[in-house]
ModelCIF file with pLDDT and N, C-alpha, C, O atoms, coordinates in Angstrom:
data_MODEL
#
_entry.id   MODEL 
#
_entity.id                         1 
_entity.type                       polymer 
_entity.pdbx_number_of_molecules   1 
#
_entity_poly.entity_id                      1 
_entity_poly.type                           'polypeptide(L)' 
_entity_poly.nstd_linkage                   no 
_entity_poly.nstd_monomer                   no 
_entity_poly.pdbx_seq_one_letter_code       SAEIEHSIVLEHCTIRDLPHRLEDSLIGRHVEITRSPRKPKA 
_entity_poly.pdbx_seq_one_letter_code_can   SAEIEHSIVLEHCTIRDLPHRLEDSLIGRHVEITRSPRKPKA 
_entity_poly.pdbx_strand_id                 A 
#
loop_
_entity_poly_seq.entity_id 
_entity_poly_seq.num 
_entity_poly_seq.mon_id 
_entity_poly_seq.hetero 
1 1  SER n 
1 2  ALA n 
1 3  GLU n 
1 4  ILE n 
1 5  GLU n 
1 6  HIS n 
1 7  SER n 
1 8  ILE n 
1 9  VAL n 
1 10 LEU n 
1 11 GLU n 
1 12 HIS n 
1 13 CYS n 
1 14 THR n 
1 15 ILE n 
1 16 ARG n 
1 17 ASP n 
1 18 LEU n 
1 19 PRO n 
1 20 HIS n 
1 21 ARG n 
1 22 LEU n 
1 23 GLU n 
1 24 ASP n 
1 25 SER n 
1 26 LEU n 
1 27 ILE n 
1 28 GLY n 
1 29 ARG n 
1 30 HIS n 
1 31 VAL n 
1 32 GLU n 
1 33 ILE n 
1 34 THR n 
1 35 ARG n 
1 36 SER n 
1 37 PRO n 
1 38 ARG n 
1 39 LYS n 
1 40 PRO n 
1 41 LYS n 
1 42 ALA n 
#
_struct_asym.id          A 
_struct_asym.entity_id   1 
#
loop_
_ma_qa_metric.id 
_ma_qa_metric.mode 
_ma_qa_metric.name 
_ma_qa_metric.software_group_id 
_ma_qa_metric.type 
1 global pLDDT . pLDDT 
2 local  pLDDT . pLDDT 
#
_ma_qa_metric_global.metric_id      1 
_ma_qa_metric_global.metric_value   83.24 
_ma_qa_metric_global.model_id       1 
_ma_qa_metric_global.ordinal_id     1 
#
loop_
_ma_qa_metric_local.label_asym_id 
_ma_qa_metric_local.label_comp_id 
_ma_qa_metric_local.label_seq_id 
_ma_qa_metric_local.metric_id 
_ma_qa_metric_local.metric_value 
_ma_qa_metric_local.model_id 
_ma_qa_metric_local.ordinal_id 
A SER 1  2 93.00 1 1  
A ALA 2  2 92.00 1 2  
A GLU 3  2 92.00 1 3  
A ILE 4  2 93.00 1 4  
A GLU 5  2 92.00 1 5  
A HIS 6  2 92.00 1 6  
A SER 7  2 91.00 1 7  
A ILE 8  2 89.00 1 8  
A VAL 9  2 90.00 1 9  
A LEU 10 2 88.00 1 10 
A GLU 11 2 87.00 1 11 
A HIS 12 2 89.00 1 12 
A CYS 13 2 89.00 1 13 
A THR 14 2 89.00 1 14 
A ILE 15 2 89.00 1 15 
A ARG 16 2 89.00 1 16 
A ASP 17 2 87.00 1 17 
A LEU 18 2 86.00 1 18 
A PRO 19 2 85.00 1 19 
A HIS 20 2 84.00 1 20 
A ARG 21 2 88.00 1 21 
A LEU 22 2 87.00 1 22 
A GLU 23 2 88.00 1 23 
A ASP 24 2 86.00 1 24 
A SER 25 2 85.00 1 25 
A LEU 26 2 85.00 1 26 
A ILE 27 2 85.00 1 27 
A GLY 28 2 80.00 1 28 
A ARG 29 2 82.00 1 29 
A HIS 30 2 84.00 1 30 
A VAL 31 2 83.00 1 31 
A GLU 32 2 85.00 1 32 
A ILE 33 2 83.00 1 33 
A THR 34 2 82.00 1 34 
A ARG 35 2 77.00 1 35 
A SER 36 2 67.00 1 36 
A PRO 37 2 67.00 1 37 
A ARG 38 2 66.00 1 38 
A LYS 39 2 65.00 1 39 
A PRO 40 2 63.00 1 40 
A LYS 41 2 63.00 1 41 
A ALA 42 2 59.00 1 42 
#
loop_
_atom_site.group_PDB 
_atom_site.id 
_atom_site.type_symbol 
_atom_site.label_atom_id 
_atom_site.label_alt_id 
_atom_site.label_comp_id 
_atom_site.label_asym_id 
_atom_site.label_entity_id 
_atom_site.label_seq_id 
_atom_site.pdbx_PDB_ins_code 
_atom_site.Cartn_x 
_atom_site.Cartn_y 
_atom_site.Cartn_z 
_atom_site.occupancy 
_atom_site.B_iso_or_equiv 
_atom_site.pdbx_formal_charge 
_atom_site.auth_seq_id 
_atom_site.auth_comp_id 
_atom_site.auth_asym_id 
_atom_site.auth_atom_id 
_atom_site.pdbx_PDB_model_num 
ATOM 1   N N  . SER A 1 1  ? -5.045 79.318 8.131  1.00 93.00 ? 1  SER A N  1 
ATOM 2   C CA . SER A 1 1  ? -4.661 78.595 9.189  1.00 93.00 ? 1  SER A CA 1 
ATOM 3   C C  . SER A 1 1  ? -3.106 78.131 9.058  1.00 93.00 ? 1  SER A C  1 
ATOM 4   O O  . SER A 1 1  ? -2.474 77.168 8.625  1.00 93.00 ? 1  SER A O  1 
ATOM 5   N N  . ALA A 1 2  ? -2.754 79.943 9.967  1.00 92.00 ? 2  ALA A N  1 
ATOM 6   C CA . ALA A 1 2  ? -0.944 79.550 9.774  1.00 92.00 ? 2  ALA A CA 1 
ATOM 7   C C  . ALA A 1 2  ? -0.743 81.215 10.016 1.00 92.00 ? 2  ALA A C  1 
ATOM 8   O O  . ALA A 1 2  ? -1.555 82.139 10.015 1.00 92.00 ? 2  ALA A O  1 
ATOM 9   N N  . GLU A 1 3  ? 0.607  81.166 10.208 1.00 92.00 ? 3  GLU A N  1 
ATOM 10  C CA . GLU A 1 3  ? 1.328  82.282 10.973 1.00 92.00 ? 3  GLU A CA 1 
ATOM 11  C C  . GLU A 1 3  ? 2.404  82.474 10.220 1.00 92.00 ? 3  GLU A C  1 
ATOM 12  O O  . GLU A 1 3  ? 3.115  81.577 9.765  1.00 92.00 ? 3  GLU A O  1 
ATOM 13  N N  . ILE A 1 4  ? 2.575  83.862 10.044 1.00 93.00 ? 4  ILE A N  1 
ATOM 14  C CA . ILE A 1 4  ? 3.547  84.148 9.434  1.00 93.00 ? 4  ILE A CA 1 
ATOM 15  C C  . ILE A 1 4  ? 3.803  86.023 9.614  1.00 93.00 ? 4  ILE A C  1 
ATOM 16  O O  . ILE A 1 4  ? 2.943  86.900 9.690  1.00 93.00 ? 4  ILE A O  1 
ATOM 17  N N  . GLU A 1 5  ? 5.518  86.156 9.640  1.00 92.00 ? 5  GLU A N  1 
ATOM 18  C CA . GLU A 1 5  ? 5.678  87.259 10.126 1.00 92.00 ? 5  GLU A CA 1 
ATOM 19  C C  . GLU A 1 5  ? 6.885  87.892 9.684  1.00 92.00 ? 5  GLU A C  1 
ATOM 20  O O  . GLU A 1 5  ? 7.546  87.134 8.973  1.00 92.00 ? 5  GLU A O  1 
ATOM 21  N N  . HIS A 1 6  ? 7.343  88.895 9.839  1.00 92.00 ? 6  HIS A N  1 
ATOM 22  C CA . HIS A 1 6  ? 8.510  89.113 9.015  1.00 92.00 ? 6  HIS A CA 1 
ATOM 23  C C  . HIS A 1 6  ? 9.346  88.398 7.933  1.00 92.00 ? 6  HIS A C  1 
ATOM 24  O O  . HIS A 1 6  ? 10.495 87.963 7.861  1.00 92.00 ? 6  HIS A O  1 
ATOM 25  N N  . SER A 1 7  ? 8.073  88.479 6.976  1.00 91.00 ? 7  SER A N  1 
ATOM 26  C CA . SER A 1 7  ? 8.310  87.582 5.842  1.00 91.00 ? 7  SER A CA 1 
ATOM 27  C C  . SER A 1 7  ? 7.827  88.769 4.461  1.00 91.00 ? 7  SER A C  1 
ATOM 28  O O  . SER A 1 7  ? 7.170  89.797 4.625  1.00 91.00 ? 7  SER A O  1 
ATOM 29  N N  . ILE A 1 8  ? 8.263  88.356 3.416  1.00 89.00 ? 8  ILE A N  1 
ATOM 30  C CA . ILE A 1 8  ? 7.772  88.755 2.316  1.00 89.00 ? 8  ILE A CA 1 
ATOM 31  C C  . ILE A 1 8  ? 7.285  87.448 1.219  1.00 89.00 ? 8  ILE A C  1 
ATOM 32  O O  . ILE A 1 8  ? 8.124  86.605 0.900  1.00 89.00 ? 8  ILE A O  1 
ATOM 33  N N  . VAL A 1 9  ? 5.780  87.373 0.659  1.00 90.00 ? 9  VAL A N  1 
ATOM 34  C CA . VAL A 1 9  ? 5.539  86.426 -0.047 1.00 90.00 ? 9  VAL A CA 1 
ATOM 35  C C  . VAL A 1 9  ? 5.099  87.016 -0.912 1.00 90.00 ? 9  VAL A C  1 
ATOM 36  O O  . VAL A 1 9  ? 4.579  88.131 -0.864 1.00 90.00 ? 9  VAL A O  1 
ATOM 37  N N  . LEU A 1 10 ? 5.332  86.004 -2.249 1.00 88.00 ? 10 LEU A N  1 
ATOM 38  C CA . LEU A 1 10 ? 5.131  86.632 -3.873 1.00 88.00 ? 10 LEU A CA 1 
ATOM 39  C C  . LEU A 1 10 ? 3.934  86.043 -4.339 1.00 88.00 ? 10 LEU A C  1 
ATOM 40  O O  . LEU A 1 10 ? 3.442  85.155 -3.641 1.00 88.00 ? 10 LEU A O  1 
ATOM 41  N N  . GLU A 1 11 ? 3.354  86.384 -5.426 1.00 87.00 ? 11 GLU A N  1 
ATOM 42  C CA . GLU A 1 11 ? 1.847  86.653 -6.115 1.00 87.00 ? 11 GLU A CA 1 
ATOM 43  C C  . GLU A 1 11 ? 1.790  85.087 -6.091 1.00 87.00 ? 11 GLU A C  1 
ATOM 44  O O  . GLU A 1 11 ? 2.757  84.337 -6.216 1.00 87.00 ? 11 GLU A O  1 
ATOM 45  N N  . HIS A 1 12 ? 0.215  84.660 -5.873 1.00 89.00 ? 12 HIS A N  1 
ATOM 46  C CA . HIS A 1 12 ? -0.306 83.257 -6.572 1.00 89.00 ? 12 HIS A CA 1 
ATOM 47  C C  . HIS A 1 12 ? 0.183  82.033 -5.345 1.00 89.00 ? 12 HIS A C  1 
ATOM 48  O O  . HIS A 1 12 ? 0.196  80.847 -5.674 1.00 89.00 ? 12 HIS A O  1 
ATOM 49  N N  . CYS A 1 13 ? 0.543  82.428 -4.038 1.00 89.00 ? 13 CYS A N  1 
ATOM 50  C CA . CYS A 1 13 ? 1.320  81.075 -3.351 1.00 89.00 ? 13 CYS A CA 1 
ATOM 51  C C  . CYS A 1 13 ? -0.033 81.072 -2.367 1.00 89.00 ? 13 CYS A C  1 
ATOM 52  O O  . CYS A 1 13 ? -1.006 81.824 -2.319 1.00 89.00 ? 13 CYS A O  1 
ATOM 53  N N  . THR A 1 14 ? 0.344  79.892 -1.607 1.00 89.00 ? 14 THR A N  1 
ATOM 54  C CA . THR A 1 14 ? -0.763 79.153 -0.873 1.00 89.00 ? 14 THR A CA 1 
ATOM 55  C C  . THR A 1 14 ? 0.246  78.486 0.708  1.00 89.00 ? 14 THR A C  1 
ATOM 56  O O  . THR A 1 14 ? 1.231  77.757 0.826  1.00 89.00 ? 14 THR A O  1 
ATOM 57  N N  . ILE A 1 15 ? -0.539 79.118 1.556  1.00 89.00 ? 15 ILE A N  1 
ATOM 58  C CA . ILE A 1 15 ? 0.482  78.533 2.841  1.00 89.00 ? 15 ILE A CA 1 
ATOM 59  C C  . ILE A 1 15 ? -0.883 78.296 3.747  1.00 89.00 ? 15 ILE A C  1 
ATOM 60  O O  . ILE A 1 15 ? -1.675 79.233 3.840  1.00 89.00 ? 15 ILE A O  1 
ATOM 61  N N  . ARG A 1 16 ? -1.154 77.064 4.404  1.00 89.00 ? 16 ARG A N  1 
ATOM 62  C CA . ARG A 1 16 ? -1.838 76.593 5.063  1.00 89.00 ? 16 ARG A CA 1 
ATOM 63  C C  . ARG A 1 16 ? -1.787 75.654 5.703  1.00 89.00 ? 16 ARG A C  1 
ATOM 64  O O  . ARG A 1 16 ? -1.013 74.770 5.338  1.00 89.00 ? 16 ARG A O  1 
ATOM 65  N N  . ASP A 1 17 ? -2.786 75.416 7.211  1.00 87.00 ? 17 ASP A N  1 
ATOM 66  C CA . ASP A 1 17 ? -2.246 74.394 8.062  1.00 87.00 ? 17 ASP A CA 1 
ATOM 67  C C  . ASP A 1 17 ? -0.683 74.169 8.468  1.00 87.00 ? 17 ASP A C  1 
ATOM 68  O O  . ASP A 1 17 ? -0.279 73.029 8.695  1.00 87.00 ? 17 ASP A O  1 
ATOM 69  N N  . LEU A 1 18 ? 0.049  75.125 8.537  1.00 86.00 ? 18 LEU A N  1 
ATOM 70  C CA . LEU A 1 18 ? 1.567  75.011 9.524  1.00 86.00 ? 18 LEU A CA 1 
ATOM 71  C C  . LEU A 1 18 ? 1.044  74.875 10.880 1.00 86.00 ? 18 LEU A C  1 
ATOM 72  O O  . LEU A 1 18 ? 0.130  75.492 11.426 1.00 86.00 ? 18 LEU A O  1 
ATOM 73  N N  . PRO A 1 19 ? 2.084  73.600 11.480 1.00 85.00 ? 19 PRO A N  1 
ATOM 74  C CA . PRO A 1 19 ? 2.193  73.795 12.790 1.00 85.00 ? 19 PRO A CA 1 
ATOM 75  C C  . PRO A 1 19 ? 2.818  74.968 13.468 1.00 85.00 ? 19 PRO A C  1 
ATOM 76  O O  . PRO A 1 19 ? 2.202  75.514 14.384 1.00 85.00 ? 19 PRO A O  1 
ATOM 77  N N  . HIS A 1 20 ? 3.787  75.326 13.158 1.00 84.00 ? 20 HIS A N  1 
ATOM 78  C CA . HIS A 1 20 ? 4.686  76.342 13.455 1.00 84.00 ? 20 HIS A CA 1 
ATOM 79  C C  . HIS A 1 20 ? 4.512  77.978 12.642 1.00 84.00 ? 20 HIS A C  1 
ATOM 80  O O  . HIS A 1 20 ? 4.070  78.135 11.504 1.00 84.00 ? 20 HIS A O  1 
ATOM 81  N N  . ARG A 1 21 ? 4.982  79.062 13.561 1.00 88.00 ? 21 ARG A N  1 
ATOM 82  C CA . ARG A 1 21 ? 4.716  80.095 12.470 1.00 88.00 ? 21 ARG A CA 1 
ATOM 83  C C  . ARG A 1 21 ? 6.108  80.444 11.856 1.00 88.00 ? 21 ARG A C  1 
ATOM 84  O O  . ARG A 1 21 ? 7.226  80.312 12.353 1.00 88.00 ? 21 ARG A O  1 
ATOM 85  N N  . LEU A 1 22 ? 5.660  81.016 10.413 1.00 87.00 ? 22 LEU A N  1 
ATOM 86  C CA . LEU A 1 22 ? 6.675  81.052 9.600  1.00 87.00 ? 22 LEU A CA 1 
ATOM 87  C C  . LEU A 1 22 ? 7.234  82.781 9.655  1.00 87.00 ? 22 LEU A C  1 
ATOM 88  O O  . LEU A 1 22 ? 6.609  83.838 9.737  1.00 87.00 ? 22 LEU A O  1 
ATOM 89  N N  . GLU A 1 23 ? 8.372  82.532 9.585  1.00 88.00 ? 23 GLU A N  1 
ATOM 90  C CA . GLU A 1 23 ? 8.742  83.884 9.754  1.00 88.00 ? 23 GLU A CA 1 
ATOM 91  C C  . GLU A 1 23 ? 10.324 83.882 8.940  1.00 88.00 ? 23 GLU A C  1 
ATOM 92  O O  . GLU A 1 23 ? 10.831 82.863 8.473  1.00 88.00 ? 23 GLU A O  1 
ATOM 93  N N  . ASP A 1 24 ? 10.983 85.333 8.895  1.00 86.00 ? 24 ASP A N  1 
ATOM 94  C CA . ASP A 1 24 ? 12.083 85.725 8.579  1.00 86.00 ? 24 ASP A CA 1 
ATOM 95  C C  . ASP A 1 24 ? 12.454 85.217 6.944  1.00 86.00 ? 24 ASP A C  1 
ATOM 96  O O  . ASP A 1 24 ? 13.646 85.072 6.669  1.00 86.00 ? 24 ASP A O  1 
ATOM 97  N N  . SER A 1 25 ? 11.660 85.018 6.133  1.00 85.00 ? 25 SER A N  1 
ATOM 98  C CA . SER A 1 25 ? 11.137 84.100 4.962  1.00 85.00 ? 25 SER A CA 1 
ATOM 99  C C  . SER A 1 25 ? 10.926 85.100 3.668  1.00 85.00 ? 25 SER A C  1 
ATOM 100 O O  . SER A 1 25 ? 10.263 86.134 3.741  1.00 85.00 ? 25 SER A O  1 
ATOM 101 N N  . LEU A 1 26 ? 11.670 84.582 2.322  1.00 85.00 ? 26 LEU A N  1 
ATOM 102 C CA . LEU A 1 26 ? 11.294 85.133 1.601  1.00 85.00 ? 26 LEU A CA 1 
ATOM 103 C C  . LEU A 1 26 ? 10.655 83.913 0.344  1.00 85.00 ? 26 LEU A C  1 
ATOM 104 O O  . LEU A 1 26 ? 11.367 83.104 -0.250 1.00 85.00 ? 26 LEU A O  1 
ATOM 105 N N  . ILE A 1 27 ? 9.754  84.008 0.243  1.00 85.00 ? 27 ILE A N  1 
ATOM 106 C CA . ILE A 1 27 ? 8.581  83.073 -0.688 1.00 85.00 ? 27 ILE A CA 1 
ATOM 107 C C  . ILE A 1 27 ? 8.445  83.644 -2.102 1.00 85.00 ? 27 ILE A C  1 
ATOM 108 O O  . ILE A 1 27 ? 8.018  84.770 -2.357 1.00 85.00 ? 27 ILE A O  1 
ATOM 109 N N  . GLY A 1 28 ? 8.788  82.891 -2.835 1.00 80.00 ? 28 GLY A N  1 
ATOM 110 C CA . GLY A 1 28 ? 8.712  82.728 -4.438 1.00 80.00 ? 28 GLY A CA 1 
ATOM 111 C C  . GLY A 1 28 ? 7.336  82.817 -5.214 1.00 80.00 ? 28 GLY A C  1 
ATOM 112 O O  . GLY A 1 28 ? 6.465  83.356 -4.532 1.00 80.00 ? 28 GLY A O  1 
ATOM 113 N N  . ARG A 1 29 ? 7.100  82.585 -5.947 1.00 82.00 ? 29 ARG A N  1 
ATOM 114 C CA . ARG A 1 29 ? 5.190  83.139 -6.874 1.00 82.00 ? 29 ARG A CA 1 
ATOM 115 C C  . ARG A 1 29 ? 5.387  81.476 -6.789 1.00 82.00 ? 29 ARG A C  1 
ATOM 116 O O  . ARG A 1 29 ? 6.342  80.733 -6.566 1.00 82.00 ? 29 ARG A O  1 
ATOM 117 N N  . HIS A 1 30 ? 4.083  81.311 -7.062 1.00 84.00 ? 30 HIS A N  1 
ATOM 118 C CA . HIS A 1 30 ? 3.265  80.056 -7.084 1.00 84.00 ? 30 HIS A CA 1 
ATOM 119 C C  . HIS A 1 30 ? 3.866  78.723 -6.386 1.00 84.00 ? 30 HIS A C  1 
ATOM 120 O O  . HIS A 1 30 ? 3.992  77.608 -6.893 1.00 84.00 ? 30 HIS A O  1 
ATOM 121 N N  . VAL A 1 31 ? 4.176  79.121 -5.178 1.00 83.00 ? 31 VAL A N  1 
ATOM 122 C CA . VAL A 1 31 ? 4.788  78.356 -4.229 1.00 83.00 ? 31 VAL A CA 1 
ATOM 123 C C  . VAL A 1 31 ? 3.818  77.774 -3.273 1.00 83.00 ? 31 VAL A C  1 
ATOM 124 O O  . VAL A 1 31 ? 3.127  78.647 -2.749 1.00 83.00 ? 31 VAL A O  1 
ATOM 125 N N  . GLU A 1 32 ? 3.510  76.372 -2.823 1.00 85.00 ? 32 GLU A N  1 
ATOM 126 C CA . GLU A 1 32 ? 2.215  76.083 -1.778 1.00 85.00 ? 32 GLU A CA 1 
ATOM 127 C C  . GLU A 1 32 ? 2.901  75.277 -0.659 1.00 85.00 ? 32 GLU A C  1 
ATOM 128 O O  . GLU A 1 32 ? 3.728  74.404 -0.925 1.00 85.00 ? 32 GLU A O  1 
ATOM 129 N N  . ILE A 1 33 ? 2.503  75.620 0.720  1.00 83.00 ? 33 ILE A N  1 
ATOM 130 C CA . ILE A 1 33 ? 3.332  75.255 1.703  1.00 83.00 ? 33 ILE A CA 1 
ATOM 131 C C  . ILE A 1 33 ? 2.168  75.158 2.608  1.00 83.00 ? 33 ILE A C  1 
ATOM 132 O O  . ILE A 1 33 ? 1.427  75.982 3.143  1.00 83.00 ? 33 ILE A O  1 
ATOM 133 N N  . THR A 1 34 ? 2.299  73.335 2.591  1.00 82.00 ? 34 THR A N  1 
ATOM 134 C CA . THR A 1 34 ? 0.847  73.048 3.633  1.00 82.00 ? 34 THR A CA 1 
ATOM 135 C C  . THR A 1 34 ? 1.788  71.390 4.381  1.00 82.00 ? 34 THR A C  1 
ATOM 136 O O  . THR A 1 34 ? 2.683  70.597 4.090  1.00 82.00 ? 34 THR A O  1 
ATOM 137 N N  . ARG A 1 35 ? 0.998  71.625 5.230  1.00 77.00 ? 35 ARG A N  1 
ATOM 138 C CA . ARG A 1 35 ? 1.151  70.514 6.141  1.00 77.00 ? 35 ARG A CA 1 
ATOM 139 C C  . ARG A 1 35 ? 0.508  68.895 5.597  1.00 77.00 ? 35 ARG A C  1 
ATOM 140 O O  . ARG A 1 35 ? -0.693 68.784 5.843  1.00 77.00 ? 35 ARG A O  1 
ATOM 141 N N  . SER A 1 36 ? 0.981  67.983 5.086  1.00 67.00 ? 36 SER A N  1 
ATOM 142 C CA . SER A 1 36 ? 0.645  66.702 4.758  1.00 67.00 ? 36 SER A CA 1 
ATOM 143 C C  . SER A 1 36 ? 0.003  65.827 5.755  1.00 67.00 ? 36 SER A C  1 
ATOM 144 O O  . SER A 1 36 ? 0.648  65.376 6.701  1.00 67.00 ? 36 SER A O  1 
ATOM 145 N N  . PRO A 1 37 ? -1.390 65.542 5.555  1.00 67.00 ? 37 PRO A N  1 
ATOM 146 C CA . PRO A 1 37 ? -1.897 64.690 6.368  1.00 67.00 ? 37 PRO A CA 1 
ATOM 147 C C  . PRO A 1 37 ? -1.632 63.060 5.931  1.00 67.00 ? 37 PRO A C  1 
ATOM 148 O O  . PRO A 1 37 ? -2.560 62.258 6.038  1.00 67.00 ? 37 PRO A O  1 
ATOM 149 N N  . ARG A 1 38 ? -0.760 62.784 5.604  1.00 66.00 ? 38 ARG A N  1 
ATOM 150 C CA . ARG A 1 38 ? -0.100 61.517 4.895  1.00 66.00 ? 38 ARG A CA 1 
ATOM 151 C C  . ARG A 1 38 ? 0.643  60.924 6.239  1.00 66.00 ? 38 ARG A C  1 
ATOM 152 O O  . ARG A 1 38 ? 1.184  61.836 6.863  1.00 66.00 ? 38 ARG A O  1 
ATOM 153 N N  . LYS A 1 39 ? 0.787  59.800 6.764  1.00 65.00 ? 39 LYS A N  1 
ATOM 154 C CA . LYS A 1 39 ? 1.829  59.014 7.632  1.00 65.00 ? 39 LYS A CA 1 
ATOM 155 C C  . LYS A 1 39 ? 2.217  58.108 7.185  1.00 65.00 ? 39 LYS A C  1 
ATOM 156 O O  . LYS A 1 39 ? 1.473  57.598 6.347  1.00 65.00 ? 39 LYS A O  1 
ATOM 157 N N  . PRO A 1 40 ? 3.772  57.285 7.510  1.00 63.00 ? 40 PRO A N  1 
ATOM 158 C CA . PRO A 1 40 ? 4.213  58.257 8.513  1.00 63.00 ? 40 PRO A CA 1 
ATOM 159 C C  . PRO A 1 40 ? 4.402  59.679 7.955  1.00 63.00 ? 40 PRO A C  1 
ATOM 160 O O  . PRO A 1 40 ? 4.395  60.001 6.767  1.00 63.00 ? 40 PRO A O  1 
ATOM 161 N N  . LYS A 1 41 ? 4.621  60.695 9.328  1.00 63.00 ? 41 LYS A N  1 
ATOM 162 C CA . LYS A 1 41 ? 4.991  62.011 8.875  1.00 63.00 ? 41 LYS A CA 1 
ATOM 163 C C  . LYS A 1 41 ? 6.532  62.217 8.381  1.00 63.00 ? 41 LYS A C  1 
ATOM 164 O O  . LYS A 1 41 ? 7.440  61.683 9.018  1.00 63.00 ? 41 LYS A O  1 
ATOM 165 N N  . ALA A 1 42 ? 6.726  62.793 7.541  1.00 59.00 ? 42 ALA A N  1 
ATOM 166 C CA . ALA A 1 42 ? 7.818  63.074 6.473  1.00 59.00 ? 42 ALA A CA 1 
ATOM 167 C C  . ALA A 1 42 ? 7.973  64.742 6.180  1.00 59.00 ? 42 ALA A C  1 
ATOM 168 O O  . ALA A 1 42 ? 8.794  65.151 5.359  1.00 59.00 ? 42 ALA A O  1 
#
């Protein structure tokens, strides 16, 4: 449930539930990028 382009994602990463497209990015190993359901939003 995410969009990504023009990027390199290294091994064992999780990218989910992003409200916007991820681009022009270099993501290191074992990184988790998610949208938190908690409020207030921050």
